[in-house]
Amino acid sequence: MKRKIITIFTSLALVAVLLATLCACGSTWGSVKSAYEKDGYQEVEVSEEVKKMYENNEDFKAAADTATVHIMQKSLSFAVILEFKGNEEMEEALKKHVTKEDAENVYEELQKLDTVNGNCFLLFYTPLSNAADIFKGTK
């Protein structure tokens, strides 16, 4: 009887650990945000000027329904980052960034781009800022 109880308890504990591990593998947004904050950036609400800059972007139009927009700003520098809900949504929205030969491994090929990290995509950033380098450094 004790052996059955120990087996059941151990099984339940393993299932709990597995679920916690799977949930922790979600978005890379936390590490990306942390890297920007470490460099003095803050997440801000979008201004109308910035919104107009990225709303006309073809990548944004393809991902508007499946991604969350995050704006990180440090004085006059900013980065617009799309956090996709999942890998499938990101693959569909960004598949034009890979060649037809690489289409079978879309996720792996997208991860090779400097503007992709997990389920996050660097959509736009202020030229002559270090925003792109910070994003690349989180890979």
C-alpha atoms as a PDB file:
ATOM      1  CA  MET A   1       0.000   0.000   0.000  1.00  0.00           C
ATOM      2  CA  LYS A   2       2.800   2.402   0.921  1.00  0.00           C
ATOM      3  CA  ARG A   3       4.520   1.586  -2.339  1.00  0.00           C
ATOM      4  CA  LYS A   4       1.407   2.538  -4.362  1.00  0.00           C
ATOM      5  CA  ILE A   5       1.077   5.832  -2.507  1.00  0.00           C
ATOM      6  CA  ILE A   6       4.752   6.650  -3.083  1.00  0.00           C
ATOM      7  CA  THR A   7       4.427   5.739  -6.779  1.00  0.00           C
ATOM      8  CA  ILE A   8       1.330   7.902  -7.209  1.00  0.00           C
ATOM      9  CA  PHE A   9       2.922  10.831  -5.358  1.00  0.00           C
ATOM     10  CA  THR A  10       6.116  10.538  -7.421  1.00  0.00           C
ATOM     11  CA  SER A  11       4.112  10.415 -10.657  1.00  0.00           C
ATOM     12  CA  LEU A  12       2.111  13.490  -9.695  1.00  0.00           C
ATOM     13  CA  ALA A  13       5.296  15.346  -8.757  1.00  0.00           C
ATOM     14  CA  LEU A  14       6.867  14.492 -12.127  1.00  0.00           C
ATOM     15  CA  VAL A  15       3.769  15.683 -13.985  1.00  0.00           C
ATOM     16  CA  ALA A  16       3.836  18.966 -12.017  1.00  0.00           C
ATOM     17  CA  VAL A  17       7.522  19.499 -12.834  1.00  0.00           C
ATOM     18  CA  LEU A  18       6.888  18.729 -16.516  1.00  0.00           C
ATOM     19  CA  LEU A  19       4.006  21.205 -16.688  1.00  0.00           C
ATOM     20  CA  ALA A  20       6.060  23.901 -14.973  1.00  0.00           C
ATOM     21  CA  THR A  21       8.922  23.302 -17.401  1.00  0.00           C
ATOM     22  CA  LEU A  22       6.657  23.503 -20.446  1.00  0.00           C
ATOM     23  CA  CYS A  23       5.039  26.718 -19.214  1.00  0.00           C
ATOM     24  CA  ALA A  24       8.436  28.293 -18.601  1.00  0.00           C
ATOM     25  CA  CYS A  25       9.478  27.660 -22.211  1.00  0.00           C
ATOM     26  CA  GLY A  26       6.978  30.178 -23.570  1.00  0.00           C
ATOM     27  CA  SER A  27       7.912  33.652 -24.630  1.00  0.00           C
ATOM     28  CA  THR A  28      11.388  35.106 -24.908  1.00  0.00           C
ATOM     29  CA  TRP A  29       9.934  38.570 -24.261  1.00  0.00           C
ATOM     30  CA  GLY A  30      11.044  38.516 -20.609  1.00  0.00           C
ATOM     31  CA  SER A  31      14.726  38.157 -21.459  1.00  0.00           C
ATOM     32  CA  VAL A  32      14.503  40.710 -24.284  1.00  0.00           C
ATOM     33  CA  LYS A  33      12.773  43.243 -22.017  1.00  0.00           C
ATOM     34  CA  SER A  34      15.300  42.625 -19.245  1.00  0.00           C
ATOM     35  CA  ALA A  35      18.229  43.283 -21.612  1.00  0.00           C
ATOM     36  CA  TYR A  36      16.731  46.597 -22.727  1.00  0.00           C
ATOM     37  CA  GLU A  37      15.959  47.646 -19.142  1.00  0.00           C
ATOM     38  CA  LYS A  38      19.522  46.802 -18.134  1.00  0.00           C
ATOM     39  CA  ASP A  39      20.674  49.349 -20.733  1.00  0.00           C
ATOM     40  CA  GLY A  40      18.313  52.060 -19.450  1.00  0.00           C
ATOM     41  CA  TYR A  41      15.326  51.533 -21.757  1.00  0.00           C
ATOM     42  CA  GLN A  42      11.767  51.558 -20.427  1.00  0.00           C
ATOM     43  CA  GLU A  43       8.622  50.074 -21.906  1.00  0.00           C
ATOM     44  CA  VAL A  44       6.335  52.934 -22.918  1.00  0.00           C
ATOM     45  CA  GLU A  45       2.902  53.459 -24.407  1.00  0.00           C
ATOM     46  CA  VAL A  46       2.982  54.085 -28.105  1.00  0.00           C
ATOM     47  CA  SER A  47       2.836  57.657 -29.350  1.00  0.00           C
ATOM     48  CA  GLU A  48       0.948  58.499 -32.514  1.00  0.00           C
ATOM     49  CA  GLU A  49       4.208  59.364 -34.328  1.00  0.00           C
ATOM     50  CA  VAL A  50       5.790  56.009 -33.540  1.00  0.00           C
ATOM     51  CA  LYS A  51       2.561  54.170 -34.299  1.00  0.00           C
ATOM     52  CA  LYS A  52       2.432  55.719 -37.779  1.00  0.00           C
ATOM     53  CA  MET A  53       6.034  54.601 -38.427  1.00  0.00           C
ATOM     54  CA  TYR A  54       5.422  50.918 -37.833  1.00  0.00           C
ATOM     55  CA  GLU A  55       1.772  50.537 -38.892  1.00  0.00           C
ATOM     56  CA  ASN A  56       2.771  50.844 -42.555  1.00  0.00           C
ATOM     57  CA  ASN A  57       5.419  48.130 -42.187  1.00  0.00           C
ATOM     58  CA  GLU A  58       4.500  44.969 -44.131  1.00  0.00           C
ATOM     59  CA  ASP A  59       5.702  42.695 -41.307  1.00  0.00           C
ATOM     60  CA  PHE A  60       3.436  44.513 -38.864  1.00  0.00           C
ATOM     61  CA  LYS A  61       0.457  44.216 -41.197  1.00  0.00           C
ATOM     62  CA  ALA A  62       1.052  40.455 -41.484  1.00  0.00           C
ATOM     63  CA  ALA A  63       1.292  40.046 -37.702  1.00  0.00           C
ATOM     64  CA  ALA A  64      -1.156  42.612 -36.351  1.00  0.00           C
ATOM     65  CA  ASP A  65      -3.687  40.037 -35.140  1.00  0.00           C
ATOM     66  CA  THR A  66      -1.221  37.508 -33.758  1.00  0.00           C
ATOM     67  CA  ALA A  67       1.343  39.629 -31.936  1.00  0.00           C
ATOM     68  CA  THR A  68       1.653  42.098 -29.074  1.00  0.00           C
ATOM     69  CA  VAL A  69       3.537  45.327 -29.769  1.00  0.00           C
ATOM     70  CA  HIS A  70       6.129  46.413 -27.191  1.00  0.00           C
ATOM     71  CA  ILE A  71       7.891  49.793 -27.372  1.00  0.00           C
ATOM     72  CA  MET A  72      11.175  50.228 -25.492  1.00  0.00           C
ATOM     73  CA  GLN A  73      12.486  53.803 -25.219  1.00  0.00           C
ATOM     74  CA  LYS A  74      15.607  55.502 -23.880  1.00  0.00           C
ATOM     75  CA  SER A  75      15.562  59.285 -24.420  1.00  0.00           C
ATOM     76  CA  LEU A  76      15.211  59.643 -28.223  1.00  0.00           C
ATOM     77  CA  SER A  77      16.020  56.016 -29.055  1.00  0.00           C
ATOM     78  CA  PHE A  78      13.344  53.361 -29.289  1.00  0.00           C
ATOM     79  CA  ALA A  79      12.712  49.820 -30.471  1.00  0.00           C
ATOM     80  CA  VAL A  80       9.429  48.300 -31.599  1.00  0.00           C
ATOM     81  CA  ILE A  81       9.275  44.589 -30.837  1.00  0.00           C
ATOM     82  CA  LEU A  82       6.534  42.161 -31.818  1.00  0.00           C
ATOM     83  CA  GLU A  83       5.886  39.331 -29.373  1.00  0.00           C
ATOM     84  CA  PHE A  84       4.027  36.580 -31.206  1.00  0.00           C
ATOM     85  CA  LYS A  85       1.482  34.417 -29.402  1.00  0.00           C
ATOM     86  CA  GLY A  86       3.220  31.281 -30.647  1.00  0.00           C
ATOM     87  CA  ASN A  87       5.722  29.848 -33.078  1.00  0.00           C
ATOM     88  CA  GLU A  88       3.115  28.978 -35.699  1.00  0.00           C
ATOM     89  CA  GLU A  89       1.848  32.563 -35.798  1.00  0.00           C
ATOM     90  CA  MET A  90       5.390  33.879 -36.136  1.00  0.00           C
ATOM     91  CA  GLU A  91       6.216  31.413 -38.907  1.00  0.00           C
ATOM     92  CA  GLU A  92       3.123  32.393 -40.881  1.00  0.00           C
ATOM     93  CA  ALA A  93       3.712  36.143 -40.527  1.00  0.00           C
ATOM     94  CA  LEU A  94       7.438  36.043 -41.307  1.00  0.00           C
ATOM     95  CA  LYS A  95       7.709  33.207 -43.812  1.00  0.00           C
ATOM     96  CA  LYS A  96       8.657  35.652 -46.565  1.00  0.00           C
ATOM     97  CA  HIS A  97      12.005  36.157 -44.782  1.00  0.00           C
ATOM     98  CA  VAL A  98      13.191  32.644 -45.674  1.00  0.00           C
ATOM     99  CA  THR A  99      13.804  31.035 -49.047  1.00  0.00           C
ATOM    100  CA  LYS A 100      11.571  28.321 -50.507  1.00  0.00           C
ATOM    101  CA  GLU A 101      14.345  25.789 -49.888  1.00  0.00           C
ATOM    102  CA  ASP A 102      14.253  26.642 -46.183  1.00  0.00           C
ATOM    103  CA  ALA A 103      10.445  26.603 -45.951  1.00  0.00           C
ATOM    104  CA  GLU A 104      10.399  23.171 -44.299  1.00  0.00           C
ATOM    105  CA  ASN A 105      12.467  24.508 -41.402  1.00  0.00           C
ATOM    106  CA  VAL A 106      10.915  27.969 -41.172  1.00  0.00           C
ATOM    107  CA  TYR A 107      11.336  28.313 -37.393  1.00  0.00           C
ATOM    108  CA  GLU A 108      15.012  27.318 -37.445  1.00  0.00           C
ATOM    109  CA  GLU A 109      15.759  29.598 -40.389  1.00  0.00           C
ATOM    110  CA  LEU A 110      13.961  32.560 -38.793  1.00  0.00           C
ATOM    111  CA  GLN A 111      16.008  32.087 -35.615  1.00  0.00           C
ATOM    112  CA  LYS A 112      19.164  32.713 -37.680  1.00  0.00           C
ATOM    113  CA  LEU A 113      18.000  36.262 -38.444  1.00  0.00           C
ATOM    114  CA  ASP A 114      19.355  39.055 -36.231  1.00  0.00           C
ATOM    115  CA  THR A 115      15.815  40.438 -35.925  1.00  0.00           C
ATOM    116  CA  VAL A 116      14.294  37.221 -34.486  1.00  0.00           C
ATOM    117  CA  ASN A 117      14.675  35.808 -30.990  1.00  0.00           C
ATOM    118  CA  GLY A 118      12.341  32.974 -29.991  1.00  0.00           C
ATOM    119  CA  ASN A 119       8.853  34.359 -30.538  1.00  0.00           C
ATOM    120  CA  CYS A 120       9.992  38.012 -30.648  1.00  0.00           C
ATOM    121  CA  PHE A 121      10.718  40.054 -33.769  1.00  0.00           C
ATOM    122  CA  LEU A 122      12.529  43.400 -33.858  1.00  0.00           C
ATOM    123  CA  LEU A 123      10.200  45.321 -36.162  1.00  0.00           C
ATOM    124  CA  PHE A 124      11.672  48.804 -36.034  1.00  0.00           C
ATOM    125  CA  TYR A 125      14.380  50.700 -34.140  1.00  0.00           C
ATOM    126  CA  THR A 126      15.923  54.140 -34.129  1.00  0.00           C
ATOM    127  CA  PRO A 127      18.888  54.273 -36.523  1.00  0.00           C
ATOM    128  CA  LEU A 128      22.248  55.027 -34.906  1.00  0.00           C
ATOM    129  CA  SER A 129      21.027  53.617 -31.574  1.00  0.00           C
ATOM    130  CA  ASN A 130      22.167  50.441 -29.849  1.00  0.00           C
ATOM    131  CA  ALA A 131      18.641  48.945 -29.928  1.00  0.00           C
ATOM    132  CA  ALA A 132      19.506  46.329 -32.583  1.00  0.00           C
ATOM    133  CA  ASP A 133      22.686  45.309 -30.745  1.00  0.00           C
ATOM    134  CA  ILE A 134      20.752  44.796 -27.517  1.00  0.00           C
ATOM    135  CA  PHE A 135      18.232  42.618 -29.335  1.00  0.00           C
ATOM    136  CA  LYS A 136      20.988  40.560 -30.989  1.00  0.00           C
ATOM    137  CA  GLY A 137      22.696  40.173 -27.616  1.00  0.00           C
ATOM    138  CA  THR A 138      19.676  38.394 -26.169  1.00  0.00           C
ATOM    139  CA  LYS A 139      19.966  35.476 -28.608  1.00  0.00           C
END
